[in-house]
C-alpha atoms as a PDB file:
ATOM      1  CA  MET A   1    -201.453 -51.140  17.012  1.00  0.00           C
ATOM      2  CA  ASN A   2    -204.025 -53.386  18.638  1.00  0.00           C
ATOM      3  CA  LEU A   3    -203.830 -54.225  22.345  1.00  0.00           C
ATOM      4  CA  PHE A   4    -205.614 -57.531  21.822  1.00  0.00           C
ATOM      5  CA  ARG A   5    -203.731 -58.777  18.752  1.00  0.00           C
ATOM      6  CA  VAL A   6    -200.035 -58.250  19.233  1.00  0.00           C
ATOM      7  CA  ASN A   7    -197.088 -59.734  17.431  1.00  0.00           C
ATOM      8  CA  PHE A   8    -195.170 -60.448  20.628  1.00  0.00           C
ATOM      9  CA  GLN A   9    -191.881 -61.234  18.899  1.00  0.00           C
ATOM     10  CA  GLU A  10    -192.017 -57.959  16.988  1.00  0.00           C
ATOM     11  CA  LEU A  11    -192.872 -56.015  20.155  1.00  0.00           C
ATOM     12  CA  TYR A  12    -190.032 -57.842  21.915  1.00  0.00           C
ATOM     13  CA  ARG A  13    -187.583 -56.946  19.106  1.00  0.00           C
ATOM     14  CA  ARG A  14    -188.679 -53.313  19.481  1.00  0.00           C
ATOM     15  CA  HIS A  15    -187.999 -53.544  23.217  1.00  0.00           C
ATOM     16  CA  LEU A  16    -184.471 -54.794  22.556  1.00  0.00           C
ATOM     17  CA  CYS A  17    -183.639 -51.655  20.586  1.00  0.00           C
ATOM     18  CA  ARG A  18    -183.389 -49.732  23.871  1.00  0.00           C
ATOM     19  CA  HIS A  19    -183.371 -52.549  26.425  1.00  0.00           C
ATOM     20  CA  SER A  20    -180.743 -55.062  25.397  1.00  0.00           C
ATOM     21  CA  GLN A  21    -178.634 -54.660  28.529  1.00  0.00           C
ATOM     22  CA  PHE A  22    -179.208 -57.220  31.286  1.00  0.00           C
ATOM     23  CA  GLY A  23    -178.899 -54.720  34.150  1.00  0.00           C
ATOM     24  CA  LEU A  24    -181.469 -52.364  32.653  1.00  0.00           C
ATOM     25  CA  ASN A  25    -183.976 -55.189  32.387  1.00  0.00           C
ATOM     26  CA  VAL A  26    -183.374 -56.231  35.996  1.00  0.00           C
ATOM     27  CA  TRP A  27    -183.959 -52.680  37.253  1.00  0.00           C
ATOM     28  CA  HIS A  28    -186.999 -52.317  35.023  1.00  0.00           C
ATOM     29  CA  LEU A  29    -188.415 -55.551  36.436  1.00  0.00           C
ATOM     30  CA  ILE A  30    -187.963 -54.202  39.962  1.00  0.00           C
ATOM     31  CA  ALA A  31    -189.748 -50.995  38.973  1.00  0.00           C
ATOM     32  CA  VAL A  32    -192.603 -52.875  37.284  1.00  0.00           C
ATOM     33  CA  VAL A  33    -193.063 -55.071  40.363  1.00  0.00           C
ATOM     34  CA  GLY A  34    -193.174 -51.886  42.473  1.00  0.00           C
ATOM     35  CA  ILE A  35    -195.763 -50.374  40.136  1.00  0.00           C
ATOM     36  CA  TYR A  36    -197.917 -53.523  40.274  1.00  0.00           C
ATOM     37  CA  TYR A  37    -197.638 -53.581  44.059  1.00  0.00           C
ATOM     38  CA  SER A  38    -198.867 -49.984  44.256  1.00  0.00           C
ATOM     39  CA  LEU A  39    -201.675 -50.683  41.789  1.00  0.00           C
ATOM     40  CA  TYR A  40    -202.788 -53.615  43.957  1.00  0.00           C
ATOM     41  CA  GLY A  41    -202.647 -51.354  47.009  1.00  0.00           C
ATOM     42  CA  ILE A  42    -204.878 -48.795  45.305  1.00  0.00           C
ATOM     43  CA  ALA A  43    -207.274 -51.429  43.975  1.00  0.00           C
ATOM     44  CA  PHE A  44    -207.648 -53.166  47.337  1.00  0.00           C
ATOM     45  CA  ALA A  45    -208.635 -49.863  48.934  1.00  0.00           C
ATOM     46  CA  LEU A  46    -211.687 -49.651  46.645  1.00  0.00           C
ATOM     47  CA  PRO A  47    -215.104 -51.066  47.495  1.00  0.00           C
ATOM     48  CA  GLY A  48    -215.566 -54.351  45.639  1.00  0.00           C
ATOM     49  CA  ALA A  49    -211.817 -54.835  45.383  1.00  0.00           C
ATOM     50  CA  PRO A  50    -211.832 -58.619  44.863  1.00  0.00           C
ATOM     51  CA  TRP A  51    -214.166 -58.232  41.873  1.00  0.00           C
ATOM     52  CA  ILE A  52    -212.164 -55.359  40.437  1.00  0.00           C
ATOM     53  CA  VAL A  53    -208.810 -57.098  40.796  1.00  0.00           C
ATOM     54  CA  GLY A  54    -210.222 -60.424  39.610  1.00  0.00           C
ATOM     55  CA  SER A  55    -211.839 -58.861  36.546  1.00  0.00           C
ATOM     56  CA  VAL A  56    -208.742 -56.884  35.565  1.00  0.00           C
ATOM     57  CA  LEU A  57    -206.455 -59.904  36.029  1.00  0.00           C
ATOM     58  CA  THR A  58    -208.819 -62.135  34.051  1.00  0.00           C
ATOM     59  CA  ALA A  59    -208.831 -59.679  31.141  1.00  0.00           C
ATOM     60  CA  TYR A  60    -205.044 -59.311  31.428  1.00  0.00           C
ATOM     61  CA  PHE A  61    -204.361 -63.045  31.303  1.00  0.00           C
ATOM     62  CA  VAL A  62    -206.879 -63.712  28.514  1.00  0.00           C
ATOM     63  CA  THR A  63    -205.200 -60.984  26.468  1.00  0.00           C
ATOM     64  CA  LEU A  64    -201.753 -62.416  27.164  1.00  0.00           C
ATOM     65  CA  ALA A  65    -202.871 -65.997  26.522  1.00  0.00           C
ATOM     66  CA  VAL A  66    -203.554 -65.284  22.858  1.00  0.00           C
ATOM     67  CA  ASN A  67    -200.464 -63.127  22.327  1.00  0.00           C
ATOM     68  CA  VAL A  68    -197.442 -64.399  24.266  1.00  0.00           C
ATOM     69  CA  PRO A  69    -195.613 -67.738  24.298  1.00  0.00           C
ATOM     70  CA  TRP A  70    -196.969 -70.201  26.859  1.00  0.00           C
ATOM     71  CA  ARG A  71    -193.770 -70.324  28.907  1.00  0.00           C
ATOM     72  CA  VAL A  72    -193.854 -66.518  29.221  1.00  0.00           C
ATOM     73  CA  LEU A  73    -197.545 -66.636  30.162  1.00  0.00           C
ATOM     74  CA  LEU A  74    -196.894 -69.226  32.883  1.00  0.00           C
ATOM     75  CA  LEU A  75    -193.966 -67.284  34.321  1.00  0.00           C
ATOM     76  CA  ASP A  76    -195.964 -64.059  34.202  1.00  0.00           C
ATOM     77  CA  GLY A  77    -198.810 -65.819  36.052  1.00  0.00           C
ATOM     78  CA  ALA A  78    -196.411 -67.025  38.728  1.00  0.00           C
ATOM     79  CA  VAL A  79    -194.927 -63.550  39.219  1.00  0.00           C
ATOM     80  CA  VAL A  80    -198.312 -61.805  39.281  1.00  0.00           C
ATOM     81  CA  GLY A  81    -199.704 -64.475  41.626  1.00  0.00           C
ATOM     82  CA  ALA A  82    -196.762 -64.163  44.005  1.00  0.00           C
ATOM     83  CA  LEU A  83    -197.036 -60.393  44.001  1.00  0.00           C
ATOM     84  CA  LEU A  84    -200.770 -60.618  44.642  1.00  0.00           C
ATOM     85  CA  ALA A  85    -200.140 -62.966  47.578  1.00  0.00           C
ATOM     86  CA  VAL A  86    -197.566 -60.578  49.034  1.00  0.00           C
ATOM     87  CA  SER A  87    -199.920 -57.645  48.560  1.00  0.00           C
ATOM     88  CA  LEU A  88    -202.627 -59.445  50.507  1.00  0.00           C
ATOM     89  CA  ALA A  89    -200.250 -60.674  53.224  1.00  0.00           C
ATOM     90  CA  VAL A  90    -198.608 -57.393  54.233  1.00  0.00           C
ATOM     91  CA  PRO A  91    -200.409 -54.608  56.087  1.00  0.00           C
ATOM     92  CA  GLN A  92    -202.036 -52.073  53.780  1.00  0.00           C
ATOM     93  CA  VAL A  93    -200.675 -48.547  53.608  1.00  0.00           C
ATOM     94  CA  PRO A  94    -202.763 -45.471  52.765  1.00  0.00           C
ATOM     95  CA  VAL A  95    -203.676 -45.000  49.103  1.00  0.00           C
ATOM     96  CA  TRP A  96    -201.850 -41.663  48.917  1.00  0.00           C
ATOM     97  CA  ILE A  97    -198.584 -43.492  49.647  1.00  0.00           C
ATOM     98  CA  HIS A  98    -199.237 -45.851  46.737  1.00  0.00           C
ATOM     99  CA  LEU A  99    -199.958 -42.874  44.474  1.00  0.00           C
ATOM    100  CA  ILE A 100    -196.618 -41.318  45.395  1.00  0.00           C
ATOM    101  CA  LEU A 101    -194.880 -44.667  44.965  1.00  0.00           C
ATOM    102  CA  LEU A 102    -196.324 -45.027  41.461  1.00  0.00           C
ATOM    103  CA  VAL A 103    -194.615 -41.814  40.439  1.00  0.00           C
ATOM    104  CA  ILE A 104    -191.376 -42.795  42.170  1.00  0.00           C
ATOM    105  CA  TRP A 105    -191.289 -46.242  40.544  1.00  0.00           C
ATOM    106  CA  HIS A 106    -191.969 -44.733  37.120  1.00  0.00           C
ATOM    107  CA  ARG A 107    -189.240 -42.104  37.542  1.00  0.00           C
ATOM    108  CA  PHE A 108    -186.880 -44.826  38.793  1.00  0.00           C
ATOM    109  CA  GLN A 109    -187.561 -46.791  35.628  1.00  0.00           C
ATOM    110  CA  VAL A 110    -186.951 -43.768  33.394  1.00  0.00           C
ATOM    111  CA  TRP A 111    -183.805 -42.820  35.313  1.00  0.00           C
ATOM    112  CA  GLN A 112    -182.214 -46.201  34.565  1.00  0.00           C
ATOM    113  CA  HIS A 113    -181.884 -45.162  30.928  1.00  0.00           C
ATOM    114  CA  GLN A 114    -179.269 -42.630  31.999  1.00  0.00           C
ATOM    115  CA  ILE A 115    -177.092 -45.449  33.338  1.00  0.00           C
ATOM    116  CA  TYR A 116    -177.862 -48.034  30.662  1.00  0.00           C
ATOM    117  CA  ASP A 117    -177.869 -45.955  27.498  1.00  0.00           C
ATOM    118  CA  LYS A 118    -177.049 -48.489  24.792  1.00  0.00           C
ATOM    119  CA  SER A 119    -179.609 -48.410  21.994  1.00  0.00           C
ATOM    120  CA  VAL A 120    -179.999 -49.150  18.315  1.00  0.00           C
ATOM    121  CA  ASP A 121    -182.021 -47.576  15.534  1.00  0.00           C
ATOM    122  CA  MET A 122    -185.778 -47.989  16.094  1.00  0.00           C
ATOM    123  CA  ARG A 123    -186.929 -46.551  12.740  1.00  0.00           C
ATOM    124  CA  GLU A 124    -188.179 -49.993  11.695  1.00  0.00           C
ATOM    125  CA  PHE A 125    -190.883 -49.719  14.379  1.00  0.00           C
ATOM    126  CA  ASN A 126    -191.734 -46.002  14.259  1.00  0.00           C
ATOM    127  CA  ASP A 127    -194.682 -46.237  11.877  1.00  0.00           C
ATOM    128  CA  LYS A 128    -196.429 -49.085  13.670  1.00  0.00           C
ATOM    129  CA  TYR A 129    -195.605 -48.103  17.261  1.00  0.00           C
ATOM    130  CA  ARG A 130    -196.136 -44.346  17.431  1.00  0.00           C
ATOM    131  CA  LYS A 131    -195.525 -42.599  20.715  1.00  0.00           C
ATOM    132  CA  GLY A 132    -198.657 -41.633  22.583  1.00  0.00           C
ATOM    133  CA  ALA A 133    -201.411 -43.022  24.783  1.00  0.00           C
ATOM    134  CA  ALA A 134    -201.975 -46.171  22.706  1.00  0.00           C
ATOM    135  CA  LEU A 135    -198.304 -47.182  22.895  1.00  0.00           C
ATOM    136  CA  PHE A 136    -198.228 -46.356  26.623  1.00  0.00           C
ATOM    137  CA  VAL A 137    -201.166 -48.712  27.269  1.00  0.00           C
ATOM    138  CA  LEU A 138    -199.725 -51.406  25.012  1.00  0.00           C
ATOM    139  CA  LEU A 139    -196.402 -51.322  26.832  1.00  0.00           C
ATOM    140  CA  ALA A 140    -198.106 -51.184  30.232  1.00  0.00           C
ATOM    141  CA  VAL A 141    -199.838 -54.478  29.430  1.00  0.00           C
ATOM    142  CA  TYR A 142    -196.897 -56.234  27.781  1.00  0.00           C
ATOM    143  CA  GLU A 143    -193.893 -54.897  29.687  1.00  0.00           C
ATOM    144  CA  LEU A 144    -193.846 -57.567  32.387  1.00  0.00           C
ATOM    145  CA  PRO A 145    -194.039 -60.442  29.873  1.00  0.00           C
ATOM    146  CA  ILE A 146    -191.352 -58.776  27.743  1.00  0.00           C
ATOM    147  CA  LEU A 147    -189.027 -58.347  30.722  1.00  0.00           C
ATOM    148  CA  LEU A 148    -189.632 -61.906  31.902  1.00  0.00           C
ATOM    149  CA  ASN A 149    -189.001 -63.233  28.399  1.00  0.00           C
ATOM    150  CA  PHE A 150    -185.689 -61.393  28.283  1.00  0.00           C
ATOM    151  CA  LEU A 151    -184.520 -62.319  31.778  1.00  0.00           C
ATOM    152  CA  ALA A 152    -185.694 -65.934  31.878  1.00  0.00           C
ATOM    153  CA  PHE A 153    -185.409 -67.091  28.300  1.00  0.00           C
ATOM    154  CA  ASP A 154    -183.274 -64.754  26.177  1.00  0.00           C
ATOM    155  CA  SER A 155    -180.767 -62.728  28.210  1.00  0.00           C
ATOM    156  CA  ARG A 156    -177.763 -64.874  27.222  1.00  0.00           C
ATOM    157  CA  SER A 157    -178.236 -63.927  23.574  1.00  0.00           C
ATOM    158  CA  GLN A 158    -178.126 -60.230  24.442  1.00  0.00           C
ATOM    159  CA  THR A 159    -175.563 -57.835  25.901  1.00  0.00           C
ATOM    160  CA  SER A 160    -174.640 -58.823  29.455  1.00  0.00           C
ATOM    161  CA  THR A 161    -173.763 -55.397  30.902  1.00  0.00           C
END
């Protein structure tokens, strides 16, 4: 598992093992947008925020540019850009609220698996994508592009419930 050299289609196929239902992907997208919004809120409270956010987003998009299809990269850029614009346009809330919201958005995302519980065997991916910190970071970076790929370009070929 390498964060900087990812087989996006393989990672996407892994995602579909537990996330083939349209509704689950919609709710996950909402949660991911909430998480990004809170991360922006935390980052913009730090001294040197424009440099921090700019540096992180540059690294993020360079990483994605070499690993995801161009149409997914462009859509991801539009979503991240729109969310960044909203984050800058609305009044800032205290950082502690964003910290609480991060936990809430994550729990909301996990909770959706109780409603949308369709899954298939993931043994094909178990050796390469072992649970732990490395997989958590990998999925944190690639989850938005994966969700956007599903919802914008592939949802009709999957389960529609």
